[in-house]
C-alpha atoms as a PDB file:
ATOM      1  CA  MET A   1     -87.963  29.699   1.034  1.00  0.00           C
ATOM      2  CA  LYS A   2     -86.063  27.837   3.738  1.00  0.00           C
ATOM      3  CA  THR A   3     -85.211  25.108   1.240  1.00  0.00           C
ATOM      4  CA  ILE A   4     -83.728  27.610  -1.226  1.00  0.00           C
ATOM      5  CA  THR A   5     -81.682  29.234   1.557  1.00  0.00           C
ATOM      6  CA  LEU A   6     -80.226  25.866   2.611  1.00  0.00           C
ATOM      7  CA  ILE A   7     -79.272  25.024  -0.985  1.00  0.00           C
ATOM      8  CA  LEU A   8     -77.499  28.377  -1.391  1.00  0.00           C
ATOM      9  CA  LEU A   9     -75.594  27.916   1.868  1.00  0.00           C
ATOM     10  CA  PHE A  10     -74.521  24.381   0.879  1.00  0.00           C
ATOM     11  CA  SER A  11     -73.348  25.567  -2.546  1.00  0.00           C
ATOM     12  CA  GLY A  12     -71.303  28.374  -0.981  1.00  0.00           C
ATOM     13  CA  CYS A  13     -69.615  25.985   1.457  1.00  0.00           C
ATOM     14  CA  TYR A  14     -68.817  23.496  -1.339  1.00  0.00           C
ATOM     15  CA  ASP A  15     -67.368  26.252  -3.537  1.00  0.00           C
ATOM     16  CA  SER A  16     -65.145  27.499  -0.709  1.00  0.00           C
ATOM     17  CA  ALA A  17     -63.912  23.984   0.037  1.00  0.00           C
ATOM     18  CA  SER A  18     -63.128  23.277  -3.617  1.00  0.00           C
ATOM     19  CA  GLN A  19     -60.981  26.425  -3.839  1.00  0.00           C
ATOM     20  CA  ALA A  20     -58.971  25.617  -0.679  1.00  0.00           C
ATOM     21  CA  PRO A  21     -55.345  24.694  -1.434  1.00  0.00           C
ATOM     22  CA  VAL A  22     -54.690  20.960  -1.526  1.00  0.00           C
ATOM     23  CA  GLU A  23     -51.541  19.785   0.261  1.00  0.00           C
ATOM     24  CA  GLU A  24     -49.150  17.958  -2.016  1.00  0.00           C
ATOM     25  CA  LYS A  25     -48.771  14.356  -0.942  1.00  0.00           C
ATOM     26  CA  HIS A  26     -45.254  13.089  -0.527  1.00  0.00           C
ATOM     27  CA  PRO A  27     -44.550   9.530  -1.627  1.00  0.00           C
ATOM     28  CA  PRO A  28     -44.438   7.161   1.359  1.00  0.00           C
ATOM     29  CA  LEU A  29     -41.262   5.472   2.498  1.00  0.00           C
ATOM     30  CA  SER A  30     -40.654   2.265   0.584  1.00  0.00           C
ATOM     31  CA  PHE A  31     -38.503  -0.692   1.605  1.00  0.00           C
ATOM     32  CA  GLY A  32     -36.867  -3.384  -0.479  1.00  0.00           C
ATOM     33  CA  VAL A  33     -33.940  -5.740  -0.889  1.00  0.00           C
ATOM     34  CA  GLY A  34     -31.305  -6.113  -3.573  1.00  0.00           C
ATOM     35  CA  LEU A  35     -29.107  -8.841  -5.022  1.00  0.00           C
ATOM     36  CA  ASN A  36     -25.636  -7.625  -6.042  1.00  0.00           C
ATOM     37  CA  LEU A  37     -23.617  -9.436  -8.702  1.00  0.00           C
ATOM     38  CA  GLY A  38     -20.280  -7.670  -8.977  1.00  0.00           C
ATOM     39  CA  VAL A  39     -16.806  -7.316  -7.515  1.00  0.00           C
ATOM     40  CA  ILE A  40     -18.164  -8.060  -4.026  1.00  0.00           C
ATOM     41  CA  PRO A  41     -21.345 -10.113  -4.580  1.00  0.00           C
ATOM     42  CA  GLY A  42     -23.941 -10.072  -1.814  1.00  0.00           C
ATOM     43  CA  ILE A  43     -27.273  -8.648  -0.648  1.00  0.00           C
ATOM     44  CA  ASP A  44     -28.577  -5.321   0.614  1.00  0.00           C
ATOM     45  CA  ALA A  45     -31.610  -3.791   2.312  1.00  0.00           C
ATOM     46  CA  GLY A  46     -32.740  -0.436   0.920  1.00  0.00           C
ATOM     47  CA  LEU A  47     -35.000   2.397   2.049  1.00  0.00           C
ATOM     48  CA  GLN A  48     -36.286   5.006  -0.424  1.00  0.00           C
ATOM     49  CA  VAL A  49     -36.624   8.059   1.802  1.00  0.00           C
ATOM     50  CA  SER A  50     -37.816  10.399  -0.948  1.00  0.00           C
ATOM     51  CA  ARG A  51     -37.478  10.722  -4.685  1.00  0.00           C
ATOM     52  CA  PHE A  52     -34.131  12.462  -4.082  1.00  0.00           C
ATOM     53  CA  VAL A  53     -32.613  10.246  -1.375  1.00  0.00           C
ATOM     54  CA  GLY A  54     -32.240   6.546  -0.596  1.00  0.00           C
ATOM     55  CA  THR A  55     -30.074   4.548   1.791  1.00  0.00           C
ATOM     56  CA  ARG A  56     -28.776   0.971   1.784  1.00  0.00           C
ATOM     57  CA  LEU A  57     -27.180  -1.468   4.227  1.00  0.00           C
ATOM     58  CA  LYS A  58     -25.108  -3.927   2.227  1.00  0.00           C
ATOM     59  CA  ALA A  59     -23.093  -7.076   2.954  1.00  0.00           C
ATOM     60  CA  GLY A  60     -20.971  -9.137   0.568  1.00  0.00           C
ATOM     61  CA  TYR A  61     -18.165 -11.651   0.310  1.00  0.00           C
ATOM     62  CA  PHE A  62     -15.849 -12.869  -2.437  1.00  0.00           C
ATOM     63  CA  ARG A  63     -13.103 -15.493  -2.521  1.00  0.00           C
ATOM     64  CA  TYR A  64     -10.817 -16.617  -5.322  1.00  0.00           C
ATOM     65  CA  ASN A  65      -8.183 -19.330  -4.962  1.00  0.00           C
ATOM     66  CA  ASP A  66      -5.022 -20.266  -6.857  1.00  0.00           C
ATOM     67  CA  TYR A  67      -5.008 -17.566  -9.506  1.00  0.00           C
ATOM     68  CA  PRO A  68      -1.774 -17.859 -11.576  1.00  0.00           C
ATOM     69  CA  TYR A  69      -0.009 -14.577 -12.244  1.00  0.00           C
ATOM     70  CA  ASP A  70       3.534 -13.468 -13.138  1.00  0.00           C
ATOM     71  CA  VAL A  71       4.887 -10.555 -11.111  1.00  0.00           C
ATOM     72  CA  TYR A  72       8.026  -8.562 -11.819  1.00  0.00           C
ATOM     73  CA  VAL A  73       9.604  -7.129  -8.671  1.00  0.00           C
ATOM     74  CA  GLN A  74      12.638  -4.950  -9.392  1.00  0.00           C
ATOM     75  CA  SER A  75      13.011  -6.713 -12.786  1.00  0.00           C
ATOM     76  CA  VAL A  76      12.944 -10.152 -11.120  1.00  0.00           C
ATOM     77  CA  LYS A  77      10.257 -12.521 -12.387  1.00  0.00           C
ATOM     78  CA  LEU A  78       8.099 -14.263  -9.792  1.00  0.00           C
ATOM     79  CA  GLU A  79       5.609 -16.957 -10.797  1.00  0.00           C
ATOM     80  CA  THR A  80       2.802 -16.681  -8.265  1.00  0.00           C
ATOM     81  CA  ARG A  81      -0.394 -18.353  -7.089  1.00  0.00           C
ATOM     82  CA  SER A  82      -2.756 -15.875  -5.453  1.00  0.00           C
ATOM     83  CA  SER A  83      -5.752 -16.309  -3.159  1.00  0.00           C
ATOM     84  CA  LEU A  84      -7.988 -13.305  -2.534  1.00  0.00           C
ATOM     85  CA  LYS A  85     -10.527 -12.895   0.288  1.00  0.00           C
ATOM     86  CA  LEU A  86     -12.702  -9.804   0.115  1.00  0.00           C
ATOM     87  CA  GLY A  87     -15.723  -9.133   2.312  1.00  0.00           C
ATOM     88  CA  ALA A  88     -17.433  -5.935   3.450  1.00  0.00           C
ATOM     89  CA  VAL A  89     -20.380  -4.475   5.338  1.00  0.00           C
ATOM     90  CA  GLU A  90     -21.375  -1.075   3.934  1.00  0.00           C
ATOM     91  CA  ILE A  91     -23.630   1.856   4.719  1.00  0.00           C
ATOM     92  CA  LEU A  92     -24.475   3.677   1.476  1.00  0.00           C
ATOM     93  CA  GLY A  93     -26.397   6.806   0.580  1.00  0.00           C
ATOM     94  CA  ASP A  94     -27.988   7.229  -2.861  1.00  0.00           C
ATOM     95  CA  VAL A  95     -28.625  10.780  -4.087  1.00  0.00           C
ATOM     96  CA  PHE A  96     -30.859  11.306  -7.143  1.00  0.00           C
ATOM     97  CA  PRO A  97     -30.000  14.835  -8.346  1.00  0.00           C
ATOM     98  CA  PHE A  98     -32.793  14.883 -10.930  1.00  0.00           C
ATOM     99  CA  GLY A  99     -35.484  13.593  -8.605  1.00  0.00           C
ATOM    100  CA  SER A 100     -37.642  11.537 -10.909  1.00  0.00           C
ATOM    101  CA  GLY A 101     -34.710  10.098 -12.883  1.00  0.00           C
ATOM    102  CA  LEU A 102     -32.820   6.860 -12.342  1.00  0.00           C
ATOM    103  CA  PHE A 103     -29.335   8.403 -12.306  1.00  0.00           C
ATOM    104  CA  ARG A 104     -27.758   8.505  -8.842  1.00  0.00           C
ATOM    105  CA  VAL A 105     -24.552   9.359  -7.043  1.00  0.00           C
ATOM    106  CA  THR A 106     -23.616   6.939  -4.273  1.00  0.00           C
ATOM    107  CA  GLY A 107     -21.207   7.348  -1.382  1.00  0.00           C
ATOM    108  CA  GLY A 108     -20.629   5.590   1.885  1.00  0.00           C
ATOM    109  CA  LEU A 109     -18.491   3.784   4.404  1.00  0.00           C
ATOM    110  CA  ALA A 110     -17.236   0.205   4.098  1.00  0.00           C
ATOM    111  CA  ILE A 111     -16.036  -2.005   6.940  1.00  0.00           C
ATOM    112  CA  PHE A 112     -13.952  -4.799   5.440  1.00  0.00           C
ATOM    113  CA  THR A 113     -14.404  -8.145   7.163  1.00  0.00           C
ATOM    114  CA  ARG A 114     -11.856  -9.668   4.784  1.00  0.00           C
ATOM    115  CA  ASN A 115      -9.337  -7.829   2.614  1.00  0.00           C
ATOM    116  CA  THR A 116      -6.301 -10.079   2.318  1.00  0.00           C
ATOM    117  CA  LEU A 117      -4.344 -11.251  -0.694  1.00  0.00           C
ATOM    118  CA  HIS A 118      -2.145 -14.300  -0.079  1.00  0.00           C
ATOM    119  CA  ILE A 119       0.639 -14.897  -2.579  1.00  0.00           C
ATOM    120  CA  ARG A 120       2.891 -17.932  -2.907  1.00  0.00           C
ATOM    121  CA  GLY A 121       5.691 -17.047  -5.283  1.00  0.00           C
ATOM    122  CA  TYR A 122       8.414 -18.987  -7.026  1.00  0.00           C
ATOM    123  CA  LEU A 123      11.500 -17.504  -8.624  1.00  0.00           C
ATOM    124  CA  GLY A 124      10.878 -17.647 -12.353  1.00  0.00           C
ATOM    125  CA  GLU A 125      14.486 -17.360 -13.491  1.00  0.00           C
ATOM    126  CA  THR A 126      18.074 -17.504 -12.329  1.00  0.00           C
ATOM    127  CA  ILE A 127      19.269 -14.219 -10.843  1.00  0.00           C
ATOM    128  CA  TYR A 128      22.523 -12.817  -9.520  1.00  0.00           C
ATOM    129  CA  TYR A 129      22.570 -11.154  -6.126  1.00  0.00           C
ATOM    130  CA  GLU A 130      25.782  -9.563  -4.828  1.00  0.00           C
ATOM    131  CA  GLY A 131      27.803 -11.642  -7.299  1.00  0.00           C
ATOM    132  CA  GLN A 132      26.117 -14.883  -6.274  1.00  0.00           C
ATOM    133  CA  GLU A 133      24.075 -17.054  -8.626  1.00  0.00           C
ATOM    134  CA  ILE A 134      20.624 -17.882  -7.237  1.00  0.00           C
ATOM    135  CA  ARG A 135      18.569 -20.513  -9.069  1.00  0.00           C
ATOM    136  CA  PRO A 136      14.832 -21.132  -8.611  1.00  0.00           C
ATOM    137  CA  GLU A 137      15.483 -24.465  -6.892  1.00  0.00           C
ATOM    138  CA  ASP A 138      17.773 -22.702  -4.404  1.00  0.00           C
ATOM    139  CA  VAL A 139      14.996 -20.356  -3.301  1.00  0.00           C
ATOM    140  CA  GLY A 140      11.956 -22.620  -3.042  1.00  0.00           C
ATOM    141  CA  PHE A 141       8.745 -20.658  -2.482  1.00  0.00           C
ATOM    142  CA  ILE A 142       7.977 -17.370  -0.785  1.00  0.00           C
ATOM    143  CA  ASP A 143       4.746 -16.755   1.151  1.00  0.00           C
ATOM    144  CA  ALA A 144       3.461 -13.197   1.404  1.00  0.00           C
ATOM    145  CA  ASP A 145       0.255 -11.707   2.800  1.00  0.00           C
ATOM    146  CA  ILE A 146      -0.914  -8.293   1.594  1.00  0.00           C
ATOM    147  CA  SER A 147      -3.675  -6.621   3.585  1.00  0.00           C
ATOM    148  CA  TRP A 148      -5.435  -3.261   3.625  1.00  0.00           C
ATOM    149  CA  LYS A 149      -7.109  -1.162   6.294  1.00  0.00           C
ATOM    150  CA  ARG A 150     -10.338  -2.399   7.881  1.00  0.00           C
ATOM    151  CA  ALA A 151     -12.301   0.757   7.072  1.00  0.00           C
ATOM    152  CA  GLY A 152     -12.609   2.384   3.659  1.00  0.00           C
ATOM    153  CA  ALA A 153     -14.747   4.786   1.658  1.00  0.00           C
ATOM    154  CA  TYR A 154     -16.803   4.292  -1.494  1.00  0.00           C
ATOM    155  CA  LEU A 155     -17.814   6.792  -4.170  1.00  0.00           C
ATOM    156  CA  GLY A 156     -19.513   6.062  -7.451  1.00  0.00           C
ATOM    157  CA  ILE A 157     -22.364   6.624  -9.877  1.00  0.00           C
ATOM    158  CA  GLY A 158     -25.169   4.332 -10.918  1.00  0.00           C
ATOM    159  CA  MET A 159     -28.565   3.808 -12.499  1.00  0.00           C
ATOM    160  CA  GLY A 160     -31.658   2.455 -10.774  1.00  0.00           C
ATOM    161  CA  ARG A 161     -33.758   3.430  -7.764  1.00  0.00           C
ATOM    162  CA  THR A 162     -32.843   2.291  -4.284  1.00  0.00           C
ATOM    163  CA  VAL A 163     -36.286   0.657  -4.129  1.00  0.00           C
ATOM    164  CA  PRO A 164     -38.021   0.088  -7.479  1.00  0.00           C
ATOM    165  CA  LYS A 165     -41.433   1.611  -8.212  1.00  0.00           C
ATOM    166  CA  ASN A 166     -42.585  -1.768  -9.499  1.00  0.00           C
ATOM    167  CA  ARG A 167     -42.067  -5.017  -7.639  1.00  0.00           C
ATOM    168  CA  VAL A 168     -38.807  -5.780  -9.475  1.00  0.00           C
ATOM    169  CA  GLY A 169     -36.133  -3.433 -10.805  1.00  0.00           C
ATOM    170  CA  ALA A 170     -32.567  -3.504 -12.104  1.00  0.00           C
ATOM    171  CA  GLY A 171     -29.574  -1.178 -12.187  1.00  0.00           C
ATOM    172  CA  PHE A 172     -25.812  -0.962 -12.058  1.00  0.00           C
ATOM    173  CA  ASP A 173     -23.009   0.726 -10.124  1.00  0.00           C
ATOM    174  CA  LEU A 174     -19.615   1.986 -11.253  1.00  0.00           C
ATOM    175  CA  GLY A 175     -17.239   3.386  -8.639  1.00  0.00           C
ATOM    176  CA  VAL A 176     -14.150   2.918  -6.538  1.00  0.00           C
ATOM    177  CA  TYR A 177     -13.213   1.978  -2.974  1.00  0.00           C
ATOM    178  CA  TYR A 178     -10.424   3.770  -1.168  1.00  0.00           C
ATOM    179  CA  MET A 179      -8.740   1.060   0.927  1.00  0.00           C
ATOM    180  CA  GLY A 180      -5.670   2.881   2.213  1.00  0.00           C
ATOM    181  CA  LYS A 181      -2.014   1.927   2.119  1.00  0.00           C
ATOM    182  CA  PRO A 182      -1.416  -1.841   1.902  1.00  0.00           C
ATOM    183  CA  SER A 183       0.939  -3.650   4.254  1.00  0.00           C
ATOM    184  CA  VAL A 184       3.063  -6.716   3.480  1.00  0.00           C
ATOM    185  CA  ASP A 185       4.011  -9.652   5.676  1.00  0.00           C
ATOM    186  CA  VAL A 186       6.554 -12.148   4.313  1.00  0.00           C
ATOM    187  CA  ASN A 187       7.258 -15.680   5.514  1.00  0.00           C
ATOM    188  CA  TYR A 188      10.672 -16.779   4.285  1.00  0.00           C
ATOM    189  CA  THR A 189      14.208 -17.330   5.500  1.00  0.00           C
ATOM    190  CA  GLU A 190      15.443 -14.609   7.823  1.00  0.00           C
ATOM    191  CA  GLU A 191      18.387 -13.888   5.533  1.00  0.00           C
ATOM    192  CA  TYR A 192      16.316 -12.532   2.662  1.00  0.00           C
ATOM    193  CA  THR A 193      13.035 -11.541   4.372  1.00  0.00           C
ATOM    194  CA  PRO A 194      13.779  -7.783   4.822  1.00  0.00           C
ATOM    195  CA  GLU A 195      14.799  -7.349   1.168  1.00  0.00           C
ATOM    196  CA  ILE A 196      11.810  -9.288  -0.138  1.00  0.00           C
ATOM    197  CA  ARG A 197       9.379  -7.421   2.110  1.00  0.00           C
ATOM    198  CA  GLN A 198      10.782  -4.068   1.026  1.00  0.00           C
ATOM    199  CA  ALA A 199      10.599  -5.002  -2.657  1.00  0.00           C
ATOM    200  CA  LEU A 200       6.995  -6.208  -2.356  1.00  0.00           C
ATOM    201  CA  GLN A 201       5.991  -3.164  -0.300  1.00  0.00           C
ATOM    202  CA  GLU A 202       7.266  -0.854  -3.032  1.00  0.00           C
ATOM    203  CA  TYR A 203       5.464  -2.953  -5.660  1.00  0.00           C
ATOM    204  CA  VAL A 204       2.029  -2.836  -3.977  1.00  0.00           C
ATOM    205  CA  GLU A 205       2.308   0.759  -2.691  1.00  0.00           C
ATOM    206  CA  PRO A 206       0.156   2.290  -5.483  1.00  0.00           C
ATOM    207  CA  TYR A 207      -2.717  -0.185  -4.985  1.00  0.00           C
ATOM    208  CA  LYS A 208      -4.833   1.917  -2.622  1.00  0.00           C
ATOM    209  CA  PHE A 209      -7.991   1.889  -4.745  1.00  0.00           C
ATOM    210  CA  LEU A 210     -10.284  -0.964  -5.738  1.00  0.00           C
ATOM    211  CA  PRO A 211     -12.433  -0.408  -8.868  1.00  0.00           C
ATOM    212  CA  TYR A 212     -16.026  -1.545  -8.445  1.00  0.00           C
ATOM    213  CA  LEU A 213     -18.530  -2.725 -11.050  1.00  0.00           C
ATOM    214  CA  ASN A 214     -21.858  -4.163  -9.993  1.00  0.00           C
ATOM    215  CA  VAL A 215     -25.194  -5.255 -11.459  1.00  0.00           C
ATOM    216  CA  ARG A 216     -28.093  -5.040  -8.989  1.00  0.00           C
ATOM    217  CA  VAL A 217     -31.501  -6.690  -9.102  1.00  0.00           C
ATOM    218  CA  SER A 218     -33.879  -5.127  -6.557  1.00  0.00           C
ATOM    219  CA  PHE A 219     -37.255  -6.110  -5.123  1.00  0.00           C
ATOM    220  CA  ARG A 220     -39.805  -3.790  -3.488  1.00  0.00           C
ATOM    221  CA  LEU A 221     -41.411  -5.283  -0.372  1.00  0.00           C
ATOM    222  CA  ILE A 222     -43.182  -2.359   1.372  1.00  0.00           C
ATOM    223  CA  PRO A 223     -45.588  -0.835   0.521  1.00  0.00           C
END
């Protein structure tokens, strides 16, 4: 009789436990790194906070020297050689609006360690200024440095998790940096420097945004 009573008590306890609500387990935080191959190539460290949110700390640098390009400033042709230095440290937030999907919206702050465009320009044709003929050999070359603000903002869309579910993942980003109003510094003869600086400033005024395209290969490290 005692044995039957114990069995009934055990069965009742088991049945009650099996009907108790089970707490839904949240996925643990996962950590990984990424390799970025785009406008500003570099590396990042990412943390997947939840299936809706991830965050990344990113650093990159890009340099291009002696790019030939013809520029027309107030209908005057300049043959130029350009050197671009572009580097940034960024704090980014990835938001996955659909939770389990790969689509994300990314925004963040960029601190530019380098954001300077150096231009050496040569007059590409003979011009007339205030009734005076000016030939290319009379001008020589003009050095100009164009720079943007040190801090900027980024906004874009992309595909791919901040930290992949498997050990290796891939994705891409498409967005734009807001870099602010550019400033121009000209190194030339004092006689023409103010006019040249003003003309170049008006030419580069609209270039406040930098389009961004990136392919990212990511690696999950923890867990």
